[in-house]
Amino acid sequence: MKVEVPNDLQPGEAVLVSACLLGEETRYDGGHKKTPALVDALHQAGLRIISVCPEVLGGLPTPRPAASLEKGGASAVWGASARVRTKEPPADVTEEFQNGARAVLEMAKAEGARYAFFQERSPSCGSLQTNVEGALVDGPGVTSALLFAEGVQVIAINA
C-alpha cells in the first residue's frame, strides 16, 4: 500500500490518525488495522501523529458490538432523523458516536489539524463509504461528516 501525504502539510504539523491504523486495539472486535506504510509516510513527512478513536472517546468499550447507521447516513444522524444502533445486543449508541465525534473535532481544533487519516468503511471514520443498516454505502461516517463540515479533510485508508 502506498500512502500519499498532501503536499500542503508542513513538517511538525499535526494530523489525526485512526488509532486502529496505528496498531492500537480499538476496533469494535478488539483488533487493529495497523498500517506500517501510513505510519512510515507520516513520519517521513515529519508530521505529528495524533491518535484518535471516536468510539472509544465517546465512551464505548473495546471490544464492543458492531454498529451501523440507519438510513440517511451520518447527515441524518446529525439531523436527529436517524440513529446509530448495534444489532446484537440491540442498543442505541448515537450519543456515544456523536460525543466521540465532537471530542475528535475539539482535538483537531486544539492541535490545528487540517487532515485526518481514517479507516475507511467505519460508521465513525469512513469518509467515502460507511456502514448503513449492515451494508456499505457511499458517504461518510459520523465523525468524518462532522470533520468535513468543519473544514478538516479526511483521507480514506483502506486497511
Protein backbone atom coordinates (compact mmCIF):
# COMPACT_ATOMS: atom_id res chain seq x y z
CA MET A 1 0.00 0.00 0.00
CA LYS A 2 1.32 3.43 -0.94
CA VAL A 3 0.11 6.40 1.09
CA GLU A 4 0.10 9.86 -0.45
CA VAL A 5 0.67 12.71 2.01
CA PRO A 6 -0.86 16.02 0.83
CA ASN A 7 1.76 18.49 -0.39
CA ASP A 8 0.47 21.36 1.74
CA LEU A 9 1.28 19.59 5.04
CA GLN A 10 4.36 21.04 6.73
CA PRO A 11 6.87 19.22 8.98
CA GLY A 12 5.73 19.43 12.59
CA GLU A 13 2.08 19.85 11.63
CA ALA A 14 -0.45 17.68 13.47
CA VAL A 15 -2.60 15.11 11.70
CA LEU A 16 -5.32 12.93 13.20
CA VAL A 17 -4.98 9.18 12.62
CA SER A 18 -7.42 6.39 13.47
CA ALA A 19 -5.92 4.62 16.47
CA CYS A 20 -6.58 1.22 14.91
CA LEU A 21 -4.36 2.16 11.94
CA LEU A 22 -1.53 2.78 14.40
CA GLY A 23 -1.90 -0.73 15.81
CA GLU A 24 -3.97 0.17 18.86
CA GLU A 25 -6.58 -2.47 19.63
CA THR A 26 -9.57 -0.12 19.47
CA ARG A 27 -11.73 -1.73 16.76
CA TYR A 28 -15.16 -3.00 17.68
CA ASP A 29 -13.81 -6.58 17.64
CA GLY A 30 -10.86 -5.69 19.88
CA GLY A 31 -8.42 -5.84 16.98
CA HIS A 32 -6.48 -3.29 14.97
CA LYS A 33 -5.69 -2.47 11.33
CA LYS A 34 -2.04 -1.48 11.77
CA THR A 35 -0.79 0.10 8.56
CA PRO A 36 3.01 0.49 8.58
CA ALA A 37 3.01 2.24 5.18
CA LEU A 38 0.82 5.02 6.60
CA VAL A 39 2.94 5.45 9.72
CA ASP A 40 6.14 5.49 7.64
CA ALA A 41 4.75 8.09 5.22
CA LEU A 42 3.63 10.37 8.05
CA HIS A 43 6.96 10.04 9.87
CA GLN A 44 8.93 10.69 6.67
CA ALA A 45 6.89 13.87 6.17
CA GLY A 46 7.80 14.92 9.72
CA LEU A 47 4.18 15.13 10.86
CA ARG A 48 2.90 14.92 14.44
CA ILE A 49 0.53 11.98 14.73
CA ILE A 50 -2.50 12.44 16.99
CA SER A 51 -4.11 9.05 17.68
CA VAL A 52 -7.92 9.09 17.91
CA CYS A 53 -10.70 6.56 18.20
CA PRO A 54 -14.04 8.39 18.17
CA GLU A 55 -15.99 5.42 19.50
CA VAL A 56 -13.67 4.98 22.49
CA LEU A 57 -13.57 8.75 23.08
CA GLY A 58 -17.37 8.66 23.10
CA GLY A 59 -17.36 6.14 25.94
CA LEU A 60 -17.77 2.80 24.17
CA PRO A 61 -15.68 -0.17 25.35
CA THR A 62 -13.31 -2.35 23.36
CA PRO A 63 -14.43 -4.85 22.24
CA ARG A 64 -18.00 -3.68 21.58
CA PRO A 65 -20.90 -4.77 19.40
CA ALA A 66 -20.65 -3.73 15.76
CA ALA A 67 -22.70 -0.64 14.99
CA SER A 68 -24.47 0.61 11.90
CA LEU A 69 -26.14 3.86 10.89
CA GLU A 70 -29.81 3.97 10.00
CA LYS A 71 -30.99 5.01 6.52
CA GLY A 72 -29.99 8.53 5.71
CA GLY A 73 -26.46 8.02 6.99
CA ALA A 74 -24.37 10.43 9.01
CA SER A 75 -26.17 13.59 7.89
CA ALA A 76 -29.44 12.10 9.14
CA VAL A 77 -27.76 11.14 12.42
CA TRP A 78 -26.58 14.73 12.89
CA GLY A 79 -30.03 15.97 11.82
CA ALA A 80 -31.63 13.78 14.52
CA SER A 81 -33.70 11.80 11.99
CA ALA A 82 -31.55 8.64 12.20
CA ARG A 83 -29.74 6.74 14.91
CA VAL A 84 -26.63 4.59 15.32
CA ARG A 85 -27.55 1.14 16.56
CA THR A 86 -25.97 -2.17 17.41
CA LYS A 87 -27.69 -5.36 16.30
CA GLU A 88 -26.53 -7.83 18.95
CA PRO A 89 -27.38 -6.89 21.59
CA PRO A 90 -29.73 -4.19 20.30
CA ALA A 91 -28.73 -0.76 21.62
CA ASP A 92 -28.83 2.88 20.59
CA VAL A 93 -25.26 4.24 20.61
CA THR A 94 -25.97 7.52 18.82
CA GLU A 95 -24.97 9.67 21.77
CA GLU A 96 -21.63 7.89 22.15
CA PHE A 97 -20.88 8.27 18.43
CA GLN A 98 -21.75 11.97 18.47
CA ASN A 99 -19.81 12.63 21.69
CA GLY A 100 -16.77 10.88 20.24
CA ALA A 101 -17.01 12.89 17.02
CA ARG A 102 -17.21 16.13 19.00
CA ALA A 103 -14.16 15.09 21.06
CA VAL A 104 -12.19 14.41 17.86
CA LEU A 105 -13.21 17.78 16.44
CA GLU A 106 -12.05 19.51 19.63
CA MET A 107 -8.70 17.70 19.37
CA ALA A 108 -8.37 18.79 15.74
CA LYS A 109 -9.01 22.40 16.72
CA ALA A 110 -6.68 22.29 19.72
CA GLU A 111 -3.85 20.75 17.66
CA GLY A 112 -4.51 22.75 14.49
CA ALA A 113 -5.01 19.55 12.50
CA ARG A 114 -6.27 20.15 8.96
CA TYR A 115 -6.15 16.50 7.89
CA ALA A 116 -7.29 13.16 9.27
CA PHE A 117 -6.19 9.74 8.01
CA PHE A 118 -9.10 7.48 8.91
CA GLN A 119 -10.06 3.84 8.50
CA GLU A 120 -12.46 3.54 5.61
CA ARG A 121 -15.86 1.79 5.96
CA SER A 122 -16.17 2.56 9.67
CA PRO A 123 -19.50 4.01 10.87
CA SER A 124 -17.42 6.66 12.65
CA CYS A 125 -14.34 7.17 10.50
CA GLY A 126 -15.38 6.14 7.00
CA SER A 127 -15.11 9.06 4.59
CA LEU A 128 -16.06 7.60 1.20
CA GLN A 129 -18.09 4.63 2.42
CA THR A 130 -19.71 3.70 5.69
CA ASN A 131 -21.96 1.06 7.17
CA VAL A 132 -25.68 1.85 6.87
CA GLU A 133 -28.12 -0.81 8.06
CA GLY A 134 -25.48 -3.52 7.68
CA ALA A 135 -24.43 -2.61 4.13
CA LEU A 136 -21.62 -0.48 2.72
CA VAL A 137 -22.94 2.71 1.14
CA ASP A 138 -21.31 5.80 -0.28
CA GLY A 139 -20.97 8.60 2.24
CA PRO A 140 -19.10 9.46 5.43
CA GLY A 141 -19.38 8.10 8.93
CA VAL A 142 -20.47 10.21 11.90
CA THR A 143 -17.04 11.64 12.79
CA SER A 144 -15.90 12.21 9.21
CA ALA A 145 -19.13 14.06 8.41
CA LEU A 146 -18.54 16.44 11.33
CA LEU A 147 -14.90 16.99 10.39
CA PHE A 148 -15.81 17.66 6.74
CA ALA A 149 -18.40 20.22 7.87
CA GLU A 150 -15.71 21.97 9.94
CA GLY A 151 -13.14 22.05 7.13
CA VAL A 152 -10.94 19.13 8.16
CA GLN A 153 -10.02 16.93 5.19
CA VAL A 154 -10.44 13.20 5.80
CA ILE A 155 -8.25 10.84 3.81
CA ALA A 156 -9.58 7.30 3.45
CA ILE A 157 -7.21 4.47 4.35
CA ASN A 158 -8.36 1.01 3.24
CA ALA A 159 -6.50 -1.23 5.65
